[in-house]
Amino acid sequence: MFSKILIANRGEIALRILRACKELGISTVAVHSTADANAMHVRLADESVCIGPPAARDSYLNIPQILAACEITGADAVHPGYGFLSENARFAEILEAHNIVFIGPTSDHIKIMGDKIQAKQTAKDLGIPVVPGSDGAVTPADDAHAIAAKIGYPVLVKAASGGGGRGMKVAKTEADLDNAMSTARSEAKAAFGDDALYMEKYLGKPRHIEIQVLGDGKGNAVHLGERDCSLQRRHQKVLEEAPSPCLNTEQREKIGEIVANAMRKLKYRGVGTVEFLYENGEFFFIEMNTRLQVEHPVTEMITGIDLVNEQIRIAAGGSLEMTQEDIRFEGHAIECRINAEDPRTFMPSPGTITYYHPPGGLGVRVDSGVYQGYKIPPYYDSLIGKLIVHGRNRVECLMRLRRCLDEFVVDEIKCTIPLFRDLVDNQDIANGQYDIHWLENYLAEAPES
């Protein structure tokens, strides 16, 4: 096992990793920008190193500074969390070259799944169902109109190196295609330094279903069920739940085993999430995230498995200690991402938290790095924390969530708690009848406050 882990992240996920390390008896190093000097994970870590000014490119994305922090403190492993360098294959390679373990998949697997075109072909080769689309990148020299016509409109144009909804445009008809291609190419170049695009069938009202996987890199892998992440705004997840209210046991087991078997063939190491669009009883692969997900707590709540603990243990050379038959799904869990944003306009709302009171009680978990008097900086994402609740069934879970949202107080900044209070009272949500477009339609139709 590792003696010291450097946590190359910030906010709630840095604190989440720190707690897992403490429970494993592993010393911790927190790295931070000058803006995060008073962050909770910095306060609680055994050691801390300032790695630069507030801008992420000068601190949390600064590989030489993180490497120097490892050498100064003697850290023998790095946990990247999510975002920042968590899916940077070059970062993983550099760490390995310096005999520092990257707690995550191999750099080869990060590369394969980081390229959306290669990931789709790999998924297809591994027996995972994929969305009908172009065979590879659609270059300016290709007849994009012929490719789109073969797929059938509407089509979705996507950045090959994309993520977070950037470089993604819908062409509903042939007349829309040229503009969609041009705009997506420009966005992809600006955001990822790569203007390669591919094209796939645009599904009308799909659900976003993702399968959590865990492998040891030795050919052993299991799935830990699915999460329904269909409540989204601009392709960003807002609320996640497990299990999905739209799947039955047979569907769950079938797609789960397909994915787990693919990970066995791939000899995948660590945690990962295979994401699908689901419509009319069919699953279509869209991407794989080779890291811990923001929404991983809902899986932990229904399985009782500590995913960060497993990440660390496997990265240290451990084998998978469970089989698929060992995994049991108990009850229902829902996660709300509480952001420092206006609940209607979603404009960021950085500032000082003058009063903070998180909810508690049976089946309630709050993953957050904030505290009363904490100043939310304007330089990073607006996540304050995650409220996760668990119940014996979905009805009990929603009732508990409603109670927790009434208890949760974050002043004097604006946050998204009021939005979630409205959502839990909505009949479509109560019935589990929503798709990836539902939230944006709901927000567009909501009256001005």
Protein backbone atom coordinates (compact mmCIF):
# COMPACT_ATOMS: atom_id res chain seq x y z
CA MET A 1 0.00 0.00 0.00
CA PHE A 2 1.06 3.60 -0.56
CA SER A 3 2.63 5.59 2.28
CA LYS A 4 1.72 9.06 0.99
CA ILE A 5 -0.78 10.23 -1.65
CA LEU A 6 -0.79 13.67 -3.22
CA ILE A 7 -4.31 14.86 -4.10
CA ALA A 8 -4.12 16.80 -7.37
CA ASN A 9 -7.50 18.49 -7.10
CA ARG A 10 -9.59 20.84 -5.02
CA GLY A 11 -13.04 21.28 -3.46
CA GLU A 12 -15.33 18.48 -2.39
CA ILE A 13 -13.56 15.76 -4.38
CA ALA A 14 -10.21 16.57 -2.76
CA LEU A 15 -11.83 16.22 0.66
CA ARG A 16 -13.54 12.98 -0.41
CA ILE A 17 -10.20 11.47 -1.43
CA LEU A 18 -8.51 12.72 1.74
CA ARG A 19 -11.10 10.96 3.89
CA ALA A 20 -10.55 7.67 2.07
CA CYS A 21 -6.80 7.98 2.55
CA LYS A 22 -7.23 8.66 6.27
CA GLU A 23 -9.37 5.55 6.66
CA LEU A 24 -6.66 3.51 4.92
CA GLY A 25 -3.93 4.95 7.13
CA ILE A 26 -2.25 6.79 4.25
CA SER A 27 -0.63 10.21 4.72
CA THR A 28 -1.95 12.99 2.48
CA VAL A 29 -0.56 15.97 0.62
CA ALA A 30 -2.90 18.75 -0.52
CA VAL A 31 -1.82 20.98 -3.37
CA HIS A 32 -3.60 24.30 -3.76
CA SER A 33 -3.61 27.60 -5.56
CA THR A 34 -3.28 30.85 -3.63
CA ALA A 35 -7.06 31.23 -3.91
CA ASP A 36 -7.57 27.92 -2.06
CA ALA A 37 -5.17 28.48 0.83
CA ASN A 38 -8.04 28.22 3.33
CA ALA A 39 -9.82 25.28 1.69
CA MET A 40 -10.97 22.49 4.01
CA HIS A 41 -8.86 19.77 2.38
CA VAL A 42 -5.79 21.98 2.80
CA ARG A 43 -6.59 22.41 6.49
CA LEU A 44 -7.06 18.68 7.07
CA ALA A 45 -4.21 17.26 5.00
CA ASP A 46 -0.99 16.11 6.67
CA GLU A 47 0.99 18.41 4.36
CA SER A 48 0.14 21.10 1.85
CA VAL A 49 2.00 22.76 -1.01
CA CYS A 50 1.00 25.92 -2.86
CA ILE A 51 1.46 25.28 -6.56
CA GLY A 52 0.58 28.63 -8.10
CA PRO A 53 -1.80 31.56 -8.56
CA PRO A 54 -5.60 31.19 -8.93
CA ALA A 55 -5.80 30.44 -12.66
CA ALA A 56 -6.11 26.66 -13.12
CA ARG A 57 -3.57 26.62 -15.93
CA ASP A 58 -0.99 28.03 -13.51
CA SER A 59 -1.83 25.71 -10.62
CA TYR A 60 -4.09 22.65 -10.89
CA LEU A 61 -3.12 22.08 -14.53
CA ASN A 62 0.56 22.87 -13.98
CA ILE A 63 2.20 19.47 -14.29
CA PRO A 64 5.77 20.59 -13.42
CA GLN A 65 4.52 22.20 -10.20
CA ILE A 66 2.56 19.12 -9.18
CA LEU A 67 5.54 16.91 -9.95
CA ALA A 68 7.76 19.18 -7.84
CA ALA A 69 5.26 18.93 -4.98
CA CYS A 70 5.49 15.13 -5.19
CA GLU A 71 9.26 15.22 -5.03
CA ILE A 72 9.35 17.74 -2.17
CA THR A 73 6.93 15.74 -0.02
CA GLY A 74 7.96 12.24 -1.06
CA ALA A 75 4.50 11.27 -2.29
CA ASP A 76 4.53 7.88 -3.96
CA ALA A 77 1.15 8.23 -5.69
CA VAL A 78 -1.18 10.89 -7.07
CA HIS A 79 -4.97 10.83 -7.05
CA PRO A 80 -6.30 13.22 -9.74
CA GLY A 81 -9.99 13.22 -8.71
CA TYR A 82 -12.18 14.33 -11.61
CA GLY A 83 -11.67 17.16 -14.08
CA PHE A 84 -8.30 18.94 -14.34
CA LEU A 85 -5.65 16.24 -15.07
CA SER A 86 -7.75 13.16 -14.34
CA GLU A 87 -7.96 12.12 -18.01
CA ASN A 88 -4.60 13.48 -19.15
CA ALA A 89 -2.61 10.54 -20.48
CA ARG A 90 0.59 12.56 -20.67
CA PHE A 91 0.31 13.38 -16.96
CA ALA A 92 -0.02 9.69 -16.14
CA GLU A 93 3.02 8.89 -18.28
CA ILE A 94 5.14 11.60 -16.63
CA LEU A 95 4.27 10.36 -13.16
CA GLU A 96 5.13 6.78 -14.06
CA ALA A 97 8.45 7.95 -15.53
CA HIS A 98 9.25 9.42 -12.11
CA ASN A 99 8.19 6.23 -10.27
CA ILE A 100 5.03 7.87 -8.95
CA VAL A 101 1.80 5.91 -9.33
CA PHE A 102 -1.13 7.53 -11.12
CA ILE A 103 -4.27 6.34 -9.33
CA GLY A 104 -6.35 5.58 -12.38
CA PRO A 105 -6.29 3.59 -15.63
CA THR A 106 -3.26 3.07 -17.83
CA SER A 107 -2.28 5.95 -20.08
CA ASP A 108 -3.15 3.77 -23.10
CA HIS A 109 -6.73 3.34 -21.91
CA ILE A 110 -7.01 7.06 -21.19
CA LYS A 111 -5.86 7.81 -24.74
CA ILE A 112 -8.23 5.31 -26.33
CA MET A 113 -11.29 6.54 -24.48
CA GLY A 114 -10.28 10.20 -24.64
CA ASP A 115 -10.58 10.18 -28.43
CA LYS A 116 -14.32 9.86 -29.03
CA ILE A 117 -13.86 8.33 -32.49
CA GLN A 118 -11.40 5.69 -31.29
CA ALA A 119 -13.51 5.08 -28.17
CA LYS A 120 -16.58 4.39 -30.28
CA GLN A 121 -14.73 1.94 -32.49
CA THR A 122 -13.17 0.24 -29.47
CA ALA A 123 -16.58 -0.08 -27.81
CA LYS A 124 -17.98 -1.59 -31.00
CA ASP A 125 -15.10 -4.08 -31.20
CA LEU A 126 -15.74 -5.06 -27.55
CA GLY A 127 -19.40 -5.83 -28.23
CA ILE A 128 -20.89 -2.64 -26.77
CA PRO A 129 -23.84 -1.23 -28.79
CA VAL A 130 -23.08 2.16 -30.38
CA VAL A 131 -25.05 5.02 -31.92
CA PRO A 132 -25.22 4.82 -35.75
CA GLY A 133 -22.80 7.37 -37.16
CA SER A 134 -19.75 8.15 -39.26
CA ASP A 135 -17.00 5.53 -39.40
CA GLY A 136 -14.44 8.08 -38.25
CA ALA A 137 -13.65 11.76 -38.35
CA VAL A 138 -15.57 13.79 -40.93
CA THR A 139 -12.95 15.93 -42.62
CA PRO A 140 -13.54 19.06 -44.74
CA ALA A 141 -12.68 16.93 -47.78
CA ASP A 142 -15.45 14.43 -47.05
CA ASP A 143 -18.99 14.75 -48.34
CA ALA A 144 -20.59 15.54 -44.99
CA HIS A 145 -24.01 15.80 -46.59
CA ALA A 146 -23.79 12.27 -47.98
CA ILE A 147 -22.68 10.91 -44.60
CA ALA A 148 -25.52 12.71 -42.82
CA ALA A 149 -28.06 11.49 -45.34
CA LYS A 150 -26.90 7.91 -44.83
CA ILE A 151 -27.22 8.26 -41.03
CA GLY A 152 -30.57 10.05 -41.33
CA TYR A 153 -31.55 13.46 -39.98
CA PRO A 154 -31.43 14.84 -37.39
CA VAL A 155 -27.71 14.29 -36.83
CA LEU A 156 -25.40 15.33 -34.01
CA VAL A 157 -22.01 16.80 -34.89
CA LYS A 158 -19.49 16.23 -32.08
CA ALA A 159 -15.89 17.13 -31.31
CA ALA A 160 -13.67 14.03 -31.31
CA SER A 161 -11.82 15.34 -28.24
CA GLY A 162 -14.89 16.95 -26.73
CA GLY A 163 -16.60 17.01 -23.39
CA GLY A 164 -19.03 19.07 -21.36
CA GLY A 165 -21.21 19.82 -24.38
CA ARG A 166 -18.61 21.94 -26.16
CA GLY A 167 -18.10 21.32 -29.86
CA MET A 168 -21.50 19.66 -30.09
CA LYS A 169 -24.21 20.85 -32.51
CA VAL A 170 -27.47 19.44 -33.88
CA ALA A 171 -28.39 19.61 -37.55
CA LYS A 172 -32.12 18.94 -37.84
CA THR A 173 -32.13 19.19 -41.64
CA GLU A 174 -29.63 19.28 -44.49
CA ALA A 175 -29.91 23.07 -44.53
CA ASP A 176 -28.52 23.20 -40.98
CA LEU A 177 -25.52 20.95 -41.56
CA ASP A 178 -22.89 23.36 -42.91
CA ASN A 179 -23.43 25.85 -40.09
CA ALA A 180 -23.43 23.08 -37.47
CA MET A 181 -20.15 21.70 -38.81
CA SER A 182 -18.49 25.10 -38.97
CA THR A 183 -19.57 26.15 -35.48
CA ALA A 184 -18.66 22.81 -33.90
CA ARG A 185 -15.25 22.83 -35.58
CA SER A 186 -14.48 26.34 -34.29
CA GLU A 187 -15.62 25.48 -30.76
CA ALA A 188 -13.62 22.24 -30.75
CA LYS A 189 -10.45 23.99 -31.89
CA ALA A 190 -10.81 26.70 -29.25
CA ALA A 191 -11.70 24.36 -26.39
CA PHE A 192 -9.54 21.30 -27.09
CA GLY A 193 -6.94 22.34 -29.66
CA ASP A 194 -8.38 19.70 -31.99
CA ASP A 195 -11.02 20.48 -34.61
CA ALA A 196 -11.70 16.85 -35.59
CA LEU A 197 -15.43 16.10 -35.73
CA TYR A 198 -17.56 13.03 -36.10
CA MET A 199 -21.24 12.58 -36.72
CA GLU A 200 -23.92 10.34 -35.24
CA LYS A 201 -27.67 9.89 -35.19
CA TYR A 202 -29.46 12.39 -32.98
CA LEU A 203 -31.96 10.63 -30.74
CA GLY A 204 -35.19 12.47 -30.01
CA LYS A 205 -36.02 11.75 -26.37
CA PRO A 206 -33.36 9.50 -24.89
CA ARG A 207 -32.38 8.89 -21.29
CA HIS A 208 -28.75 9.25 -20.22
CA ILE A 209 -27.79 5.97 -18.55
CA GLU A 210 -24.28 5.20 -17.36
CA ILE A 211 -22.77 1.97 -16.06
CA GLN A 212 -20.21 2.09 -13.26
CA VAL A 213 -17.37 -0.40 -13.72
CA LEU A 214 -14.46 -1.55 -11.60
CA GLY A 215 -11.52 -3.56 -12.88
CA ASP A 216 -8.13 -4.63 -11.55
CA GLY A 217 -6.14 -4.55 -14.80
CA LYS A 218 -5.68 -8.31 -14.63
CA GLY A 219 -8.77 -9.34 -16.55
CA ASN A 220 -11.20 -9.16 -13.64
CA ALA A 221 -14.05 -6.63 -13.77
CA VAL A 222 -17.54 -6.06 -12.39
CA HIS A 223 -20.30 -3.56 -12.95
CA LEU A 224 -21.91 -1.73 -10.05
CA GLY A 225 -25.22 -1.01 -11.71
CA GLU A 226 -26.40 2.07 -13.52
CA ARG A 227 -27.04 5.72 -12.80
CA ASP A 228 -29.70 7.79 -14.54
CA CYS A 229 -28.22 11.21 -15.36
CA SER A 230 -30.95 12.46 -17.68
CA LEU A 231 -31.68 15.70 -15.82
CA GLN A 232 -29.23 17.97 -17.61
CA ARG A 233 -28.78 21.56 -18.63
CA ARG A 234 -26.54 22.30 -21.63
CA HIS A 235 -25.23 18.74 -21.45
CA GLN A 236 -24.20 19.25 -17.81
CA LYS A 237 -25.67 16.85 -15.26
CA VAL A 238 -27.79 18.42 -12.51
CA LEU A 239 -29.37 15.46 -10.67
CA GLU A 240 -28.47 11.77 -10.77
CA GLU A 241 -30.19 8.70 -9.36
CA ALA A 242 -29.63 4.98 -9.02
CA PRO A 243 -31.14 2.71 -10.04
CA SER A 244 -32.81 4.24 -13.08
CA PRO A 245 -36.61 4.38 -12.83
CA CYS A 246 -36.87 3.39 -16.51
CA LEU A 247 -34.99 0.06 -16.41
CA ASN A 248 -36.05 -3.33 -15.13
CA THR A 249 -33.82 -5.99 -13.58
CA GLU A 250 -33.39 -7.91 -16.83
CA GLN A 251 -32.31 -4.81 -18.79
CA ARG A 252 -29.97 -3.76 -15.98
CA GLU A 253 -28.26 -7.13 -15.80
CA LYS A 254 -27.96 -7.48 -19.57
CA ILE A 255 -26.28 -4.12 -20.27
CA GLY A 256 -24.22 -4.38 -17.10
CA GLU A 257 -22.77 -7.75 -18.10
CA ILE A 258 -22.06 -6.51 -21.65
CA VAL A 259 -20.03 -3.63 -20.20
CA ALA A 260 -18.29 -5.71 -17.52
CA ASN A 261 -17.30 -8.31 -20.09
CA ALA A 262 -15.88 -5.58 -22.33
CA MET A 263 -13.77 -4.28 -19.43
CA ARG A 264 -12.47 -7.81 -18.81
CA LYS A 265 -11.35 -8.06 -22.44
CA LEU A 266 -9.76 -4.62 -22.22
CA LYS A 267 -8.07 -5.49 -18.89
CA TYR A 268 -9.26 -2.15 -17.60
CA ARG A 269 -7.75 -0.91 -14.33
CA GLY A 270 -9.57 1.13 -11.71
CA VAL A 271 -12.98 2.79 -11.85
CA GLY A 272 -14.66 3.93 -15.03
CA THR A 273 -18.05 4.86 -16.38
CA VAL A 274 -19.49 3.75 -19.70
CA GLU A 275 -22.18 6.19 -20.81
CA PHE A 276 -25.17 5.45 -23.02
CA LEU A 277 -28.19 7.08 -24.54
CA TYR A 278 -31.21 4.84 -24.00
CA GLU A 279 -34.33 5.04 -26.14
CA ASN A 280 -37.09 2.58 -27.06
CA GLY A 281 -35.46 -0.25 -25.16
CA GLU A 282 -32.05 0.15 -26.85
CA PHE A 283 -28.70 1.32 -25.47
CA PHE A 284 -26.26 3.36 -27.57
CA PHE A 285 -22.68 3.98 -26.37
CA ILE A 286 -21.63 7.63 -26.35
CA GLU A 287 -18.38 7.72 -24.34
CA MET A 288 -16.36 6.30 -21.47
CA ASN A 289 -15.01 8.39 -18.62
CA THR A 290 -11.76 6.88 -17.34
CA ARG A 291 -12.00 8.44 -13.90
CA LEU A 292 -14.12 8.88 -10.82
CA GLN A 293 -17.43 10.59 -11.61
CA VAL A 294 -18.95 13.51 -9.73
CA GLU A 295 -22.02 11.35 -9.16
CA HIS A 296 -20.19 8.28 -7.81
CA PRO A 297 -21.81 8.60 -4.32
CA VAL A 298 -25.20 7.34 -5.52
CA THR A 299 -23.55 4.07 -6.55
CA GLU A 300 -21.79 3.87 -3.19
CA MET A 301 -25.09 4.40 -1.40
CA ILE A 302 -26.87 1.49 -3.11
CA THR A 303 -23.92 -0.94 -3.11
CA GLY A 304 -22.05 -0.08 0.08
CA ILE A 305 -18.78 -0.15 -1.90
CA ASP A 306 -16.24 2.67 -1.35
CA LEU A 307 -15.10 3.46 -4.89
CA VAL A 308 -12.17 5.65 -3.86
CA ASN A 309 -10.91 2.98 -1.49
CA GLU A 310 -11.09 0.48 -4.36
CA GLN A 311 -9.27 2.87 -6.71
CA ILE A 312 -6.40 3.23 -4.27
CA ARG A 313 -6.17 -0.46 -3.43
CA ILE A 314 -6.14 -1.53 -7.08
CA ALA A 315 -3.61 1.16 -8.05
CA ALA A 316 -1.34 -0.28 -5.33
CA GLY A 317 -1.42 -3.62 -7.15
CA GLY A 318 -4.38 -5.26 -5.47
CA SER A 319 -6.71 -7.66 -7.23
CA LEU A 320 -10.47 -7.36 -7.42
CA GLU A 321 -11.80 -8.98 -4.26
CA MET A 322 -15.42 -9.28 -5.41
CA THR A 323 -17.31 -11.12 -8.10
CA GLN A 324 -20.49 -9.97 -9.82
CA GLU A 325 -22.48 -12.33 -7.58
CA ASP A 326 -21.16 -10.56 -4.48
CA ILE A 327 -22.70 -7.21 -5.46
CA ARG A 328 -26.12 -6.37 -4.06
CA PHE A 329 -28.21 -3.31 -4.88
CA GLU A 330 -30.14 -1.98 -1.91
CA GLY A 331 -32.76 0.77 -2.10
CA HIS A 332 -32.60 3.99 -4.08
CA ALA A 333 -30.26 7.01 -4.05
CA ILE A 334 -30.46 10.51 -5.54
CA GLU A 335 -27.78 13.19 -5.79
CA CYS A 336 -28.33 16.93 -6.27
CA ARG A 337 -25.42 19.09 -7.35
CA ILE A 338 -25.67 22.24 -5.23
CA ASN A 339 -23.99 25.02 -7.22
CA ALA A 340 -23.21 28.63 -6.37
CA GLU A 341 -25.46 29.86 -9.17
CA ASP A 342 -28.66 31.77 -9.59
CA PRO A 343 -31.34 29.02 -9.58
CA ARG A 344 -33.04 30.49 -12.66
CA THR A 345 -30.35 32.19 -14.78
CA PHE A 346 -27.50 29.92 -13.63
CA MET A 347 -25.17 32.89 -13.45
CA PRO A 348 -22.25 32.10 -11.09
CA SER A 349 -22.58 33.55 -7.60
CA PRO A 350 -19.16 33.56 -5.92
CA GLY A 351 -18.81 35.18 -2.53
CA THR A 352 -18.63 34.54 1.20
CA ILE A 353 -20.90 31.99 2.86
CA THR A 354 -22.12 33.79 5.96
CA TYR A 355 -24.30 30.92 7.21
CA TYR A 356 -24.08 27.24 6.35
CA HIS A 357 -26.28 24.45 7.69
CA PRO A 358 -26.23 21.09 5.88
CA PRO A 359 -29.00 18.54 6.47
CA GLY A 360 -28.47 15.27 8.32
CA GLY A 361 -30.22 12.14 9.52
CA LEU A 362 -30.56 8.56 8.38
CA GLY A 363 -29.59 7.95 4.77
CA VAL A 364 -28.21 11.47 4.23
CA ARG A 365 -24.74 12.35 2.95
CA VAL A 366 -23.34 15.78 2.07
CA ASP A 367 -20.04 15.86 0.16
CA SER A 368 -18.79 19.42 0.41
CA GLY A 369 -15.62 21.31 1.19
CA VAL A 370 -17.29 24.56 2.25
CA TYR A 371 -17.94 25.90 5.74
CA GLN A 372 -19.40 28.98 7.39
CA GLY A 373 -17.17 31.93 6.49
CA TYR A 374 -15.70 30.18 3.44
CA LYS A 375 -15.24 32.41 0.40
CA ILE A 376 -16.17 30.73 -2.88
CA PRO A 377 -13.61 31.89 -5.45
CA PRO A 378 -14.69 32.97 -8.94
CA TYR A 379 -11.95 31.04 -10.73
CA TYR A 380 -13.32 27.49 -10.77
CA ASP A 381 -16.55 25.55 -11.23
CA SER A 382 -19.42 26.63 -9.02
CA LEU A 383 -20.02 23.35 -7.16
CA ILE A 384 -20.67 24.00 -3.47
CA GLY A 385 -21.30 20.36 -2.70
CA LYS A 386 -23.46 17.34 -3.34
CA LEU A 387 -26.52 16.29 -1.39
CA ILE A 388 -27.00 12.53 -1.59
CA VAL A 389 -29.93 10.74 0.01
CA HIS A 390 -30.80 7.06 0.25
CA GLY A 391 -34.11 5.35 0.92
CA ARG A 392 -35.53 1.86 0.89
CA ASN A 393 -37.31 2.75 -2.36
CA ARG A 394 -37.65 5.72 -4.71
CA VAL A 395 -40.71 7.17 -2.97
CA GLU A 396 -38.98 7.20 0.40
CA CYS A 397 -35.86 8.63 -1.22
CA LEU A 398 -37.79 11.55 -2.76
CA MET A 399 -39.53 12.28 0.54
CA ARG A 400 -36.19 12.31 2.33
CA LEU A 401 -34.70 14.53 -0.36
CA ARG A 402 -37.56 17.02 0.03
CA ARG A 403 -36.97 17.15 3.78
CA CYS A 404 -33.21 17.65 3.33
CA LEU A 405 -33.64 20.47 0.83
CA ASP A 406 -35.85 22.28 3.34
CA GLU A 407 -33.11 21.93 5.96
CA PHE A 408 -30.20 22.93 3.73
CA VAL A 409 -29.17 26.58 4.25
CA VAL A 410 -26.45 28.41 2.30
CA ASP A 411 -26.38 32.20 2.83
CA GLU A 412 -25.68 34.92 1.58
CA ILE A 413 -24.91 33.70 -1.88
CA LYS A 414 -27.36 32.45 -4.47
CA CYS A 415 -27.44 28.69 -5.02
CA THR A 416 -29.51 26.05 -6.81
CA ILE A 417 -31.33 24.64 -3.76
CA PRO A 418 -34.61 26.41 -4.73
CA LEU A 419 -34.50 24.71 -8.15
CA PHE A 420 -34.27 21.28 -6.56
CA ARG A 421 -37.16 22.09 -4.21
CA ASP A 422 -39.26 22.79 -7.28
CA LEU A 423 -38.09 19.64 -9.05
CA VAL A 424 -38.94 17.22 -6.22
CA ASP A 425 -42.50 18.58 -6.25
CA ASN A 426 -42.89 18.06 -10.00
CA GLN A 427 -45.13 15.16 -11.05
CA ASP A 428 -42.90 14.11 -13.97
CA ILE A 429 -39.96 13.75 -11.61
CA ALA A 430 -42.08 11.87 -9.09
CA ASN A 431 -43.15 9.48 -11.86
CA GLY A 432 -39.61 9.13 -13.22
CA GLN A 433 -40.82 10.34 -16.61
CA TYR A 434 -38.10 12.58 -18.01
CA ASP A 435 -35.42 12.56 -20.70
CA ILE A 436 -32.26 14.56 -21.42
CA HIS A 437 -34.28 17.49 -22.80
CA TRP A 438 -36.82 17.63 -19.96
CA LEU A 439 -35.01 20.09 -17.70
CA GLU A 440 -34.25 22.64 -20.38
CA ASN A 441 -37.88 22.52 -21.54
CA TYR A 442 -39.03 22.91 -17.93
CA LEU A 443 -36.76 25.92 -17.39
CA ALA A 444 -37.88 27.53 -20.65
CA GLU A 445 -41.53 27.23 -19.64
CA ALA A 446 -41.09 28.22 -15.99
CA PRO A 447 -42.61 31.62 -15.07
CA GLU A 448 -40.32 34.51 -14.17
CA SER A 449 -39.68 34.63 -10.43
